[in-house]
PDB file of all heavy atoms in Angstrom:
ATOM      1  N   VAL A   1       8.107  -4.536  -0.908  1.00  0.00           N
ATOM      2  CA  VAL A   1       8.902  -5.585  -0.288  1.00  0.00           C
ATOM      3  C   VAL A   1       9.334  -5.085   1.104  1.00  0.00           C
ATOM      4  O   VAL A   1       9.687  -3.927   1.305  1.00  0.00           O
ATOM      5  CB  VAL A   1      10.171  -5.867  -1.101  1.00  0.00           C
ATOM      6  CG1 VAL A   1      10.871  -7.148  -0.602  1.00  0.00           C
ATOM      7  CG2 VAL A   1       9.850  -5.982  -2.573  1.00  0.00           C
ATOM      8  N   LEU A   2       9.333  -6.011   2.073  1.00  0.00           N
ATOM      9  CA  LEU A   2       9.945  -5.780   3.371  1.00  0.00           C
ATOM     10  C   LEU A   2      11.109  -6.715   3.513  1.00  0.00           C
ATOM     11  O   LEU A   2      11.076  -7.879   3.044  1.00  0.00           O
ATOM     12  CB  LEU A   2       8.949  -6.043   4.503  1.00  0.00           C
ATOM     13  CG  LEU A   2       7.625  -5.321   4.526  1.00  0.00           C
ATOM     14  CD1 LEU A   2       6.835  -5.727   5.773  1.00  0.00           C
ATOM     15  CD2 LEU A   2       7.789  -3.818   4.465  1.00  0.00           C
ATOM     16  N   TRP A   3      12.193  -6.235   4.158  1.00  0.00           N
ATOM     17  CA  TRP A   3      13.308  -7.158   4.444  1.00  0.00           C
ATOM     18  C   TRP A   3      14.065  -6.684   5.682  1.00  0.00           C
ATOM     19  O   TRP A   3      14.006  -5.532   6.087  1.00  0.00           O
ATOM     20  CB  TRP A   3      14.280  -7.249   3.250  1.00  0.00           C
ATOM     21  CG  TRP A   3      15.043  -6.025   2.898  1.00  0.00           C
ATOM     22  CD1 TRP A   3      16.259  -5.605   3.349  1.00  0.00           C
ATOM     23  CD2 TRP A   3      14.621  -4.972   1.982  1.00  0.00           C
ATOM     24  NE1 TRP A   3      16.632  -4.419   2.784  1.00  0.00           N
ATOM     25  CE2 TRP A   3      15.657  -4.012   1.932  1.00  0.00           C
ATOM     26  CE3 TRP A   3      13.477  -4.793   1.176  1.00  0.00           C
ATOM     27  CZ2 TRP A   3      15.562  -2.852   1.124  1.00  0.00           C
ATOM     28  CZ3 TRP A   3      13.394  -3.622   0.414  1.00  0.00           C
ATOM     29  CH2 TRP A   3      14.419  -2.710   0.374  1.00  0.00           C
ATOM     30  N   ASP A   4      14.695  -7.664   6.313  1.00  0.00           N
ATOM     31  CA  ASP A   4      15.484  -7.434   7.520  1.00  0.00           C
ATOM     32  C   ASP A   4      16.783  -6.743   7.137  1.00  0.00           C
ATOM     33  O   ASP A   4      17.505  -7.209   6.261  1.00  0.00           O
ATOM     34  CB  ASP A   4      15.776  -8.793   8.206  1.00  0.00           C
ATOM     35  CG  ASP A   4      16.388  -8.614   9.578  1.00  0.00           C
ATOM     36  OD1 ASP A   4      17.454  -8.009   9.693  1.00  0.00           O
ATOM     37  OD2 ASP A   4      15.809  -9.140  10.544  1.00  0.00           O
ATOM     38  N   ARG A   5      17.062  -5.627   7.751  1.00  0.00           N
ATOM     39  CA  ARG A   5      18.264  -4.849   7.392  1.00  0.00           C
ATOM     40  C   ARG A   5      19.562  -5.619   7.660  1.00  0.00           C
ATOM     41  O   ARG A   5      20.538  -5.380   6.976  1.00  0.00           O
ATOM     42  CB  ARG A   5      18.278  -3.518   8.168  1.00  0.00           C
ATOM     43  CG  ARG A   5      17.160  -2.565   7.783  1.00  0.00           C
ATOM     44  CD  ARG A   5      17.270  -1.329   8.659  1.00  0.00           C
ATOM     45  NE  ARG A   5      16.108  -0.406   8.484  1.00  0.00           N
ATOM     46  CZ  ARG A   5      16.070   0.586   7.585  1.00  0.00           C
ATOM     47  NH1 ARG A   5      17.088   0.792   6.781  1.00  0.00           N
ATOM     48  NH2 ARG A   5      14.969   1.353   7.511  1.00  0.00           N
ATOM     49  N   GLU A   6      19.538  -6.518   8.617  1.00  0.00           N
ATOM     50  CA  GLU A   6      20.744  -7.274   8.961  1.00  0.00           C
ATOM     51  C   GLU A   6      20.906  -8.563   8.135  1.00  0.00           C
ATOM     52  O   GLU A   6      21.925  -8.815   7.512  1.00  0.00           O
ATOM     53  CB  GLU A   6      20.719  -7.635  10.452  1.00  0.00           C
ATOM     54  CG  GLU A   6      20.836  -6.418  11.379  1.00  0.00           C
ATOM     55  CD  GLU A   6      22.149  -5.696  11.210  1.00  0.00           C
ATOM     56  OE1 GLU A   6      23.208  -6.335  10.982  1.00  0.00           O
ATOM     57  OE2 GLU A   6      22.152  -4.447  11.307  1.00  0.00           O
ATOM     58  N   THR A   7      19.852  -9.371   8.116  1.00  0.00           N
ATOM     59  CA  THR A   7      19.940 -10.671   7.423  1.00  0.00           C
ATOM     60  C   THR A   7      19.562 -10.596   5.990  1.00  0.00           C
ATOM     61  O   THR A   7      19.870 -11.518   5.211  1.00  0.00           O
ATOM     62  CB  THR A   7      19.013 -11.683   8.115  1.00  0.00           C
ATOM     63  OG1 THR A   7      17.658 -11.314   7.881  1.00  0.00           O
ATOM     64  CG2 THR A   7      19.265 -11.758   9.636  1.00  0.00           C
ATOM     65  N   LEU A   8      18.844  -9.560   5.590  1.00  0.00           N
ATOM     66  CA  LEU A   8      18.284  -9.365   4.197  1.00  0.00           C
ATOM     67  C   LEU A   8      17.200 -10.348   3.871  1.00  0.00           C
ATOM     68  O   LEU A   8      16.722 -10.379   2.732  1.00  0.00           O
ATOM     69  CB  LEU A   8      19.402  -9.391   3.159  1.00  0.00           C
ATOM     70  CG  LEU A   8      20.547  -8.390   3.361  1.00  0.00           C
ATOM     71  CD1 LEU A   8      21.551  -8.492   2.225  1.00  0.00           C
ATOM     72  CD2 LEU A   8      20.033  -6.982   3.478  1.00  0.00           C
ATOM     73  N   GLY A   9      16.801 -11.165   4.839  1.00  0.00           N
ATOM     74  CA  GLY A   9      15.659 -12.046   4.647  1.00  0.00           C
ATOM     75  C   GLY A   9      14.347 -11.265   4.736  1.00  0.00           C
ATOM     76  O   GLY A   9      14.262 -10.246   5.394  1.00  0.00           O
ATOM     77  N   SER A  10      13.320 -11.767   4.052  1.00  0.00           N
ATOM     78  CA  SER A  10      12.024 -11.077   4.034  1.00  0.00           C
ATOM     79  C   SER A  10      11.027 -11.794   4.927  1.00  0.00           C
ATOM     80  O   SER A  10      10.900 -13.025   4.844  1.00  0.00           O
ATOM     81  CB  SER A  10      11.445 -11.014   2.600  1.00  0.00           C
ATOM     82  OG  SER A  10      12.324 -10.226   1.789  1.00  0.00           O
ATOM     83  N   PRO A  11      10.299 -11.079   5.794  1.00  0.00           N
ATOM     84  CA  PRO A  11       9.389 -11.729   6.704  1.00  0.00           C
ATOM     85  C   PRO A  11       8.086 -12.209   6.057  1.00  0.00           C
ATOM     86  O   PRO A  11       7.336 -12.950   6.677  1.00  0.00           O
ATOM     87  CB  PRO A  11       9.107 -10.640   7.738  1.00  0.00           C
ATOM     88  CG  PRO A  11       9.245  -9.356   6.947  1.00  0.00           C
ATOM     89  CD  PRO A  11      10.387  -9.613   6.005  1.00  0.00           C
ATOM     90  N   ARG A  12       7.815 -11.736   4.837  1.00  0.00           N
ATOM     91  CA  ARG A  12       6.598 -12.121   4.145  1.00  0.00           C
ATOM     92  C   ARG A  12       6.794 -11.909   2.630  1.00  0.00           C
ATOM     93  O   ARG A  12       7.784 -11.312   2.225  1.00  0.00           O
ATOM     94  CB  ARG A  12       5.402 -11.309   4.606  1.00  0.00           C
ATOM     95  CG  ARG A  12       5.459  -9.855   4.173  1.00  0.00           C
ATOM     96  CD  ARG A  12       4.195  -9.059   4.279  1.00  0.00           C
ATOM     97  NE  ARG A  12       2.957  -9.788   4.267  1.00  0.00           N
ATOM     98  CZ  ARG A  12       2.315 -10.184   3.178  1.00  0.00           C
ATOM     99  NH1 ARG A  12       2.838  -9.962   1.977  1.00  0.00           N
ATOM    100  NH2 ARG A  12       1.140 -10.812   3.286  1.00  0.00           N
ATOM    101  N   LYS A  13       5.863 -12.437   1.860  1.00  0.00           N
ATOM    102  CA  LYS A  13       5.919 -12.240   0.406  1.00  0.00           C
ATOM    103  C   LYS A  13       5.655 -10.791   0.041  1.00  0.00           C
ATOM    104  O   LYS A  13       4.967 -10.074   0.798  1.00  0.00           O
ATOM    105  CB  LYS A  13       4.956 -13.182  -0.298  1.00  0.00           C
ATOM    106  CG  LYS A  13       5.333 -14.656  -0.201  1.00  0.00           C
ATOM    107  CD  LYS A  13       4.364 -15.500  -1.004  1.00  0.00           C
ATOM    108  CE  LYS A  13       4.810 -16.974  -0.984  1.00  0.00           C
ATOM    109  NZ  LYS A  13       4.673 -17.579   0.355  1.00  0.00           N
ATOM    110  N   ALA A  14       6.202 -10.344  -1.071  1.00  0.00           N
ATOM    111  CA  ALA A  14       5.940  -9.010  -1.575  1.00  0.00           C
ATOM    112  C   ALA A  14       4.523  -8.948  -2.111  1.00  0.00           C
ATOM    113  O   ALA A  14       3.996  -9.900  -2.679  1.00  0.00           O
ATOM    114  CB  ALA A  14       6.933  -8.718  -2.711  1.00  0.00           C
ATOM    115  N   ILE A  15       3.887  -7.817  -1.922  1.00  0.00           N
ATOM    116  CA  ILE A  15       2.552  -7.548  -2.458  1.00  0.00           C
ATOM    117  C   ILE A  15       2.713  -6.875  -3.806  1.00  0.00           C
ATOM    118  O   ILE A  15       3.283  -5.784  -3.881  1.00  0.00           O
ATOM    119  CB  ILE A  15       1.673  -6.725  -1.503  1.00  0.00           C
ATOM    120  CG1 ILE A  15       1.567  -7.438  -0.143  1.00  0.00           C
ATOM    121  CG2 ILE A  15       0.274  -6.504  -2.095  1.00  0.00           C
ATOM    122  CD1 ILE A  15       0.737  -6.657   0.875  1.00  0.00           C
ATOM    123  N   VAL A  16       2.239  -7.507  -4.869  1.00  0.00           N
ATOM    124  CA  VAL A  16       2.535  -7.107  -6.257  1.00  0.00           C
ATOM    125  C   VAL A  16       1.573  -5.990  -6.709  1.00  0.00           C
ATOM    126  O   VAL A  16       0.471  -5.867  -6.218  1.00  0.00           O
ATOM    127  CB  VAL A  16       2.404  -8.361  -7.170  1.00  0.00           C
ATOM    128  CG1 VAL A  16       2.650  -8.014  -8.608  1.00  0.00           C
ATOM    129  CG2 VAL A  16       3.429  -9.426  -6.689  1.00  0.00           C
ATOM    130  N   TRP A  17       2.063  -5.219  -7.657  1.00  0.00           N
ATOM    131  CA  TRP A  17       1.287  -4.070  -8.171  1.00  0.00           C
ATOM    132  C   TRP A  17      -0.106  -4.508  -8.662  1.00  0.00           C
ATOM    133  O   TRP A  17      -1.030  -3.712  -8.602  1.00  0.00           O
ATOM    134  CB  TRP A  17       2.055  -3.416  -9.288  1.00  0.00           C
ATOM    135  CG  TRP A  17       2.407  -4.230 -10.479  1.00  0.00           C
ATOM    136  CD1 TRP A  17       3.504  -5.018 -10.647  1.00  0.00           C
ATOM    137  CD2 TRP A  17       1.630  -4.382 -11.696  1.00  0.00           C
ATOM    138  NE1 TRP A  17       3.474  -5.645 -11.883  1.00  0.00           N
ATOM    139  CE2 TRP A  17       2.347  -5.262 -12.577  1.00  0.00           C
ATOM    140  CE3 TRP A  17       0.423  -3.844 -12.156  1.00  0.00           C
ATOM    141  CZ2 TRP A  17       1.877  -5.640 -13.790  1.00  0.00           C
ATOM    142  CZ3 TRP A  17      -0.048  -4.206 -13.431  1.00  0.00           C
ATOM    143  CH2 TRP A  17       0.706  -5.089 -14.224  1.00  0.00           C
ATOM    144  N   GLN A  18      -0.234  -5.744  -9.136  1.00  0.00           N
ATOM    145  CA  GLN A  18      -1.538  -6.191  -9.625  1.00  0.00           C
ATOM    146  C   GLN A  18      -2.522  -6.530  -8.528  1.00  0.00           C
ATOM    147  O   GLN A  18      -3.727  -6.688  -8.812  1.00  0.00           O
ATOM    148  CB  GLN A  18      -1.333  -7.495 -10.466  1.00  0.00           C
ATOM    149  CG  GLN A  18      -0.495  -7.316 -11.696  1.00  0.00           C
ATOM    150  CD  GLN A  18      -0.136  -8.686 -12.281  1.00  0.00           C
ATOM    151  OE1 GLN A  18       0.359  -9.555 -11.619  1.00  0.00           O
ATOM    152  NE2 GLN A  18      -0.352  -8.817 -13.589  1.00  0.00           N
ATOM    153  N   ASP A  19      -2.059  -6.613  -7.307  1.00  0.00           N
ATOM    154  CA  ASP A  19      -2.937  -7.044  -6.175  1.00  0.00           C
ATOM    155  C   ASP A  19      -4.042  -6.047  -5.908  1.00  0.00           C
ATOM    156  O   ASP A  19      -3.842  -4.858  -5.891  1.00  0.00           O
ATOM    157  CB  ASP A  19      -2.018  -7.173  -4.938  1.00  0.00           C
ATOM    158  CG  ASP A  19      -2.672  -7.926  -3.804  1.00  0.00           C
ATOM    159  OD1 ASP A  19      -3.569  -7.320  -3.169  1.00  0.00           O
ATOM    160  OD2 ASP A  19      -2.330  -9.068  -3.566  1.00  0.00           O
ATOM    161  N   ARG A  20      -5.226  -6.600  -5.703  1.00  0.00           N
ATOM    162  CA  ARG A  20      -6.446  -5.759  -5.491  1.00  0.00           C
ATOM    163  C   ARG A  20      -6.988  -5.789  -4.069  1.00  0.00           C
ATOM    164  O   ARG A  20      -8.079  -5.269  -3.824  1.00  0.00           O
ATOM    165  CB  ARG A  20      -7.557  -6.259  -6.439  1.00  0.00           C
ATOM    166  CG  ARG A  20      -7.179  -6.289  -7.904  1.00  0.00           C
ATOM    167  CD  ARG A  20      -7.367  -4.937  -8.549  1.00  0.00           C
ATOM    168  NE  ARG A  20      -6.149  -4.195  -8.567  1.00  0.00           N
ATOM    169  CZ  ARG A  20      -6.049  -2.909  -8.926  1.00  0.00           C
ATOM    170  NH1 ARG A  20      -7.089  -2.234  -9.256  1.00  0.00           N
ATOM    171  NH2 ARG A  20      -4.895  -2.302  -8.904  1.00  0.00           N
ATOM    172  N   ARG A  21      -6.249  -6.349  -3.133  1.00  0.00           N
ATOM    173  CA  ARG A  21      -6.822  -6.526  -1.779  1.00  0.00           C
ATOM    174  C   ARG A  21      -7.112  -5.208  -1.067  1.00  0.00           C
ATOM    175  O   ARG A  21      -7.863  -5.198  -0.115  1.00  0.00           O
ATOM    176  CB  ARG A  21      -5.859  -7.361  -0.941  1.00  0.00           C
ATOM    177  CG  ARG A  21      -4.647  -6.635  -0.384  1.00  0.00           C
ATOM    178  CD  ARG A  21      -3.707  -7.527   0.353  1.00  0.00           C
ATOM    179  NE  ARG A  21      -3.066  -8.471  -0.540  1.00  0.00           N
ATOM    180  CZ  ARG A  21      -2.202  -9.403  -0.149  1.00  0.00           C
ATOM    181  NH1 ARG A  21      -1.849  -9.508   1.146  1.00  0.00           N
ATOM    182  NH2 ARG A  21      -1.640 -10.216  -0.998  1.00  0.00           N
ATOM    183  N   THR A  22      -6.528  -4.124  -1.516  1.00  0.00           N
ATOM    184  CA  THR A  22      -6.687  -2.834  -0.812  1.00  0.00           C
ATOM    185  C   THR A  22      -7.763  -1.949  -1.423  1.00  0.00           C
ATOM    186  O   THR A  22      -7.825  -0.760  -1.124  1.00  0.00           O
ATOM    187  CB  THR A  22      -5.368  -2.072  -0.769  1.00  0.00           C
ATOM    188  OG1 THR A  22      -4.954  -1.757  -2.120  1.00  0.00           O
ATOM    189  CG2 THR A  22      -4.266  -2.901  -0.099  1.00  0.00           C
ATOM    190  N   ALA A  23      -8.638  -2.533  -2.248  1.00  0.00           N
ATOM    191  CA  ALA A  23      -9.696  -1.722  -2.880  1.00  0.00           C
ATOM    192  C   ALA A  23     -10.577  -1.035  -1.821  1.00  0.00           C
ATOM    193  O   ALA A  23     -10.903   0.125  -1.970  1.00  0.00           O
ATOM    194  CB  ALA A  23     -10.570  -2.612  -3.787  1.00  0.00           C
ATOM    195  N   ASP A  24     -10.903  -1.755  -0.755  1.00  0.00           N
ATOM    196  CA  ASP A  24     -11.756  -1.171   0.280  1.00  0.00           C
ATOM    197  C   ASP A  24     -11.027  -0.061   1.039  1.00  0.00           C
ATOM    198  O   ASP A  24     -11.652   0.931   1.471  1.00  0.00           O
ATOM    199  CB  ASP A  24     -12.238  -2.257   1.261  1.00  0.00           C
ATOM    200  CG  ASP A  24     -13.256  -3.198   0.609  1.00  0.00           C
ATOM    201  OD1 ASP A  24     -13.849  -2.808  -0.431  1.00  0.00           O
ATOM    202  OD2 ASP A  24     -13.473  -4.281   1.144  1.00  0.00           O
ATOM    203  N   ILE A  25      -9.729  -0.248   1.276  1.00  0.00           N
ATOM    204  CA  ILE A  25      -8.965   0.804   1.921  1.00  0.00           C
ATOM    205  C   ILE A  25      -8.945   2.074   1.093  1.00  0.00           C
ATOM    206  O   ILE A  25      -9.119   3.183   1.618  1.00  0.00           O
ATOM    207  CB  ILE A  25      -7.495   0.294   2.168  1.00  0.00           C
ATOM    208  CG1 ILE A  25      -7.484  -0.782   3.217  1.00  0.00           C
ATOM    209  CG2 ILE A  25      -6.582   1.470   2.583  1.00  0.00           C
ATOM    210  CD1 ILE A  25      -6.143  -1.446   3.431  1.00  0.00           C
ATOM    211  N   CYS A  26      -8.805   1.922  -0.237  1.00  0.00           N
ATOM    212  CA  CYS A  26      -8.813   3.078  -1.110  1.00  0.00           C
ATOM    213  C   CYS A  26     -10.198   3.765  -1.104  1.00  0.00           C
ATOM    214  O   CYS A  26     -10.265   4.996  -1.082  1.00  0.00           O
ATOM    215  CB  CYS A  26      -8.443   2.672  -2.517  1.00  0.00           C
ATOM    216  SG  CYS A  26      -6.734   2.136  -2.703  1.00  0.00           S
ATOM    217  N   THR A  27     -11.247   2.972  -1.086  1.00  0.00           N
ATOM    218  CA  THR A  27     -12.594   3.526  -0.992  1.00  0.00           C
ATOM    219  C   THR A  27     -12.780   4.285   0.328  1.00  0.00           C
ATOM    220  O   THR A  27     -13.354   5.391   0.360  1.00  0.00           O
ATOM    221  CB  THR A  27     -13.647   2.404  -1.117  1.00  0.00           C
ATOM    222  OG1 THR A  27     -13.481   1.743  -2.363  1.00  0.00           O
ATOM    223  CG2 THR A  27     -15.055   2.954  -1.023  1.00  0.00           C
ATOM    224  N   GLU A  28     -12.273   3.724   1.379  1.00  0.00           N
ATOM    225  CA  GLU A  28     -12.376   4.353   2.719  1.00  0.00           C
ATOM    226  C   GLU A  28     -11.673   5.729   2.707  1.00  0.00           C
ATOM    227  O   GLU A  28     -12.216   6.716   3.215  1.00  0.00           O
ATOM    228  CB  GLU A  28     -11.728   3.421   3.732  1.00  0.00           C
ATOM    229  CG  GLU A  28     -11.584   3.989   5.118  1.00  0.00           C
ATOM    230  CD  GLU A  28     -10.722   3.078   6.005  1.00  0.00           C
ATOM    231  OE1 GLU A  28     -10.824   1.815   5.855  1.00  0.00           O
ATOM    232  OE2 GLU A  28      -9.941   3.599   6.796  1.00  0.00           O
ATOM    233  N   LEU A  29     -10.490   5.763   2.110  1.00  0.00           N
ATOM    234  CA  LEU A  29      -9.757   7.023   2.033  1.00  0.00           C
ATOM    235  C   LEU A  29     -10.483   8.044   1.159  1.00  0.00           C
ATOM    236  O   LEU A  29     -10.469   9.229   1.459  1.00  0.00           O
ATOM    237  CB  LEU A  29      -8.338   6.786   1.507  1.00  0.00           C
ATOM    238  CG  LEU A  29      -7.396   6.056   2.512  1.00  0.00           C
ATOM    239  CD1 LEU A  29      -6.167   5.553   1.784  1.00  0.00           C
ATOM    240  CD2 LEU A  29      -7.015   6.956   3.646  1.00  0.00           C
ATOM    241  N   LYS A  30     -11.074   7.558   0.077  1.00  0.00           N
ATOM    242  CA  LYS A  30     -11.832   8.466  -0.793  1.00  0.00           C
ATOM    243  C   LYS A  30     -13.001   9.100  -0.031  1.00  0.00           C
ATOM    244  O   LYS A  30     -13.299  10.279  -0.194  1.00  0.00           O
ATOM    245  CB  LYS A  30     -12.325   7.717  -2.021  1.00  0.00           C
ATOM    246  CG  LYS A  30     -11.256   7.364  -3.005  1.00  0.00           C
ATOM    247  CD  LYS A  30     -11.792   6.536  -4.167  1.00  0.00           C
ATOM    248  CE  LYS A  30     -10.684   6.057  -5.097  1.00  0.00           C
ATOM    249  NZ  LYS A  30     -11.219   5.186  -6.177  1.00  0.00           N
ATOM    250  N   THR A  31     -13.662   8.309   0.767  1.00  0.00           N
ATOM    251  CA  THR A  31     -14.808   8.841   1.545  1.00  0.00           C
ATOM    252  C   THR A  31     -14.377   9.841   2.565  1.00  0.00           C
ATOM    253  O   THR A  31     -15.176  10.654   3.008  1.00  0.00           O
ATOM    254  CB  THR A  31     -15.586   7.704   2.226  1.00  0.00           C
ATOM    255  OG1 THR A  31     -14.735   7.020   3.150  1.00  0.00           O
ATOM    256  CG2 THR A  31     -16.146   6.718   1.209  1.00  0.00           C
ATOM    257  N   GLN A  32     -13.108   9.820   2.950  1.00  0.00           N
ATOM    258  CA  GLN A  32     -12.540  10.799   3.857  1.00  0.00           C
ATOM    259  C   GLN A  32     -12.213  12.126   3.184  1.00  0.00           C
ATOM    260  O   GLN A  32     -11.801  13.095   3.803  1.00  0.00           O
ATOM    261  CB  GLN A  32     -11.294  10.247   4.554  1.00  0.00           C
ATOM    262  CG  GLN A  32     -11.599   9.088   5.478  1.00  0.00           C
ATOM    263  CD  GLN A  32     -10.311   8.456   6.044  1.00  0.00           C
ATOM    264  OE1 GLN A  32      -9.232   9.029   5.914  1.00  0.00           O
ATOM    265  NE2 GLN A  32     -10.445   7.254   6.645  1.00  0.00           N
ATOM    266  N   GLY A  33     -12.352  12.089   1.834  1.00  0.00           N
ATOM    267  CA  GLY A  33     -12.160  13.318   1.054  1.00  0.00           C
ATOM    268  C   GLY A  33     -10.692  13.704   0.823  1.00  0.00           C
ATOM    269  O   GLY A  33     -10.403  14.874   0.546  1.00  0.00           O
ATOM    270  N   VAL A  34      -9.765  12.711   0.860  1.00  0.00           N
ATOM    271  CA  VAL A  34      -8.337  13.070   0.748  1.00  0.00           C
ATOM    272  C   VAL A  34      -7.794  12.827  -0.652  1.00  0.00           C
ATOM    273  O   VAL A  34      -6.639  13.200  -0.929  1.00  0.00           O
ATOM    274  CB  VAL A  34      -7.492  12.266   1.746  1.00  0.00           C
ATOM    275  CG1 VAL A  34      -7.937  12.550   3.186  1.00  0.00           C
ATOM    276  CG2 VAL A  34      -7.569  10.766   1.457  1.00  0.00           C
ATOM    277  N   GLU A  35      -8.585  12.257  -1.576  1.00  0.00           N
ATOM    278  CA  GLU A  35      -8.032  11.893  -2.869  1.00  0.00           C
ATOM    279  C   GLU A  35      -7.529  13.097  -3.666  1.00  0.00           C
ATOM    280  O   GLU A  35      -6.494  13.042  -4.296  1.00  0.00           O
ATOM    281  CB  GLU A  35      -9.044  11.105  -3.737  1.00  0.00           C
ATOM    282  CG  GLU A  35      -8.414  10.640  -5.040  1.00  0.00           C
ATOM    283  CD  GLU A  35      -9.262   9.666  -5.809  1.00  0.00           C
ATOM    284  OE1 GLU A  35     -10.521   9.809  -5.761  1.00  0.00           O
ATOM    285  OE2 GLU A  35      -8.723   8.738  -6.451  1.00  0.00           O
ATOM    286  N   GLY A  36      -8.239  14.201  -3.577  1.00  0.00           N
ATOM    287  CA  GLY A  36      -7.802  15.412  -4.298  1.00  0.00           C
ATOM    288  C   GLY A  36      -6.434  15.856  -3.867  1.00  0.00           C
ATOM    289  O   GLY A  36      -5.581  16.180  -4.689  1.00  0.00           O
ATOM    290  N   ARG A  37      -6.184  15.881  -2.557  1.00  0.00           N
ATOM    291  CA  ARG A  37      -4.879  16.285  -2.052  1.00  0.00           C
ATOM    292  C   ARG A  37      -3.797  15.271  -2.425  1.00  0.00           C
ATOM    293  O   ARG A  37      -2.693  15.666  -2.808  1.00  0.00           O
ATOM    294  CB  ARG A  37      -4.948  16.440  -0.522  1.00  0.00           C
ATOM    295  CG  ARG A  37      -3.658  16.847   0.142  1.00  0.00           C
ATOM    296  CD  ARG A  37      -3.120  18.160  -0.378  1.00  0.00           C
ATOM    297  NE  ARG A  37      -1.926  18.596   0.346  1.00  0.00           N
ATOM    298  CZ  ARG A  37      -1.033  19.506  -0.082  1.00  0.00           C
ATOM    299  NH1 ARG A  37      -1.251  20.095  -1.281  1.00  0.00           N
ATOM    300  NH2 ARG A  37      -0.011  19.849   0.639  1.00  0.00           N
ATOM    301  N   VAL A  38      -4.131  14.002  -2.319  1.00  0.00           N
ATOM    302  CA  VAL A  38      -3.168  12.952  -2.700  1.00  0.00           C
ATOM    303  C   VAL A  38      -2.780  13.120  -4.147  1.00  0.00           C
ATOM    304  O   VAL A  38      -1.603  13.066  -4.523  1.00  0.00           O
ATOM    305  CB  VAL A  38      -3.728  11.562  -2.424  1.00  0.00           C
ATOM    306  CG1 VAL A  38      -2.870  10.483  -3.037  1.00  0.00           C
ATOM    307  CG2 VAL A  38      -3.893  11.327  -0.933  1.00  0.00           C
ATOM    308  N   SER A  39      -3.757  13.319  -5.021  1.00  0.00           N
ATOM    309  CA  SER A  39      -3.513  13.501  -6.470  1.00  0.00           C
ATOM    310  C   SER A  39      -2.665  14.737  -6.742  1.00  0.00           C
ATOM    311  O   SER A  39      -1.786  14.734  -7.589  1.00  0.00           O
ATOM    312  CB  SER A  39      -4.835  13.543  -7.248  1.00  0.00           C
ATOM    313  OG  SER A  39      -5.509  12.303  -7.149  1.00  0.00           O
ATOM    314  N   GLU A  40      -2.980  15.804  -5.989  1.00  0.00           N
ATOM    315  CA  GLU A  40      -2.239  17.057  -6.168  1.00  0.00           C
ATOM    316  C   GLU A  40      -0.752  16.857  -5.863  1.00  0.00           C
ATOM    317  O   GLU A  40       0.126  17.351  -6.590  1.00  0.00           O
ATOM    318  CB  GLU A  40      -2.819  18.130  -5.244  1.00  0.00           C
ATOM    319  CG  GLU A  40      -2.113  19.478  -5.322  1.00  0.00           C
ATOM    320  CD  GLU A  40      -2.643  20.453  -4.255  1.00  0.00           C
ATOM    321  OE1 GLU A  40      -3.652  20.132  -3.598  1.00  0.00           O
ATOM    322  OE2 GLU A  40      -2.023  21.515  -4.102  1.00  0.00           O
ATOM    323  N   LEU A  41      -0.456  16.119  -4.829  1.00  0.00           N
ATOM    324  CA  LEU A  41       0.925  15.933  -4.437  1.00  0.00           C
ATOM    325  C   LEU A  41       1.660  14.912  -5.283  1.00  0.00           C
ATOM    326  O   LEU A  41       2.829  15.056  -5.604  1.00  0.00           O
ATOM    327  CB  LEU A  41       1.003  15.505  -2.943  1.00  0.00           C
ATOM    328  CG  LEU A  41       0.658  16.583  -1.907  1.00  0.00           C
ATOM    329  CD1 LEU A  41       0.597  15.956  -0.532  1.00  0.00           C
ATOM    330  CD2 LEU A  41       1.697  17.685  -1.938  1.00  0.00           C
TER     331      LEU A  41
END
């Protein structure tokens, strides 16, 4: 969720845990070889 610290209104809808739109972003990061470090942390 994003919200305005002053008005508490949100500029856009929340992206829900079920959302799959970032599958390609995750694949891109995996090809960069960072998944092992991300998992470690």
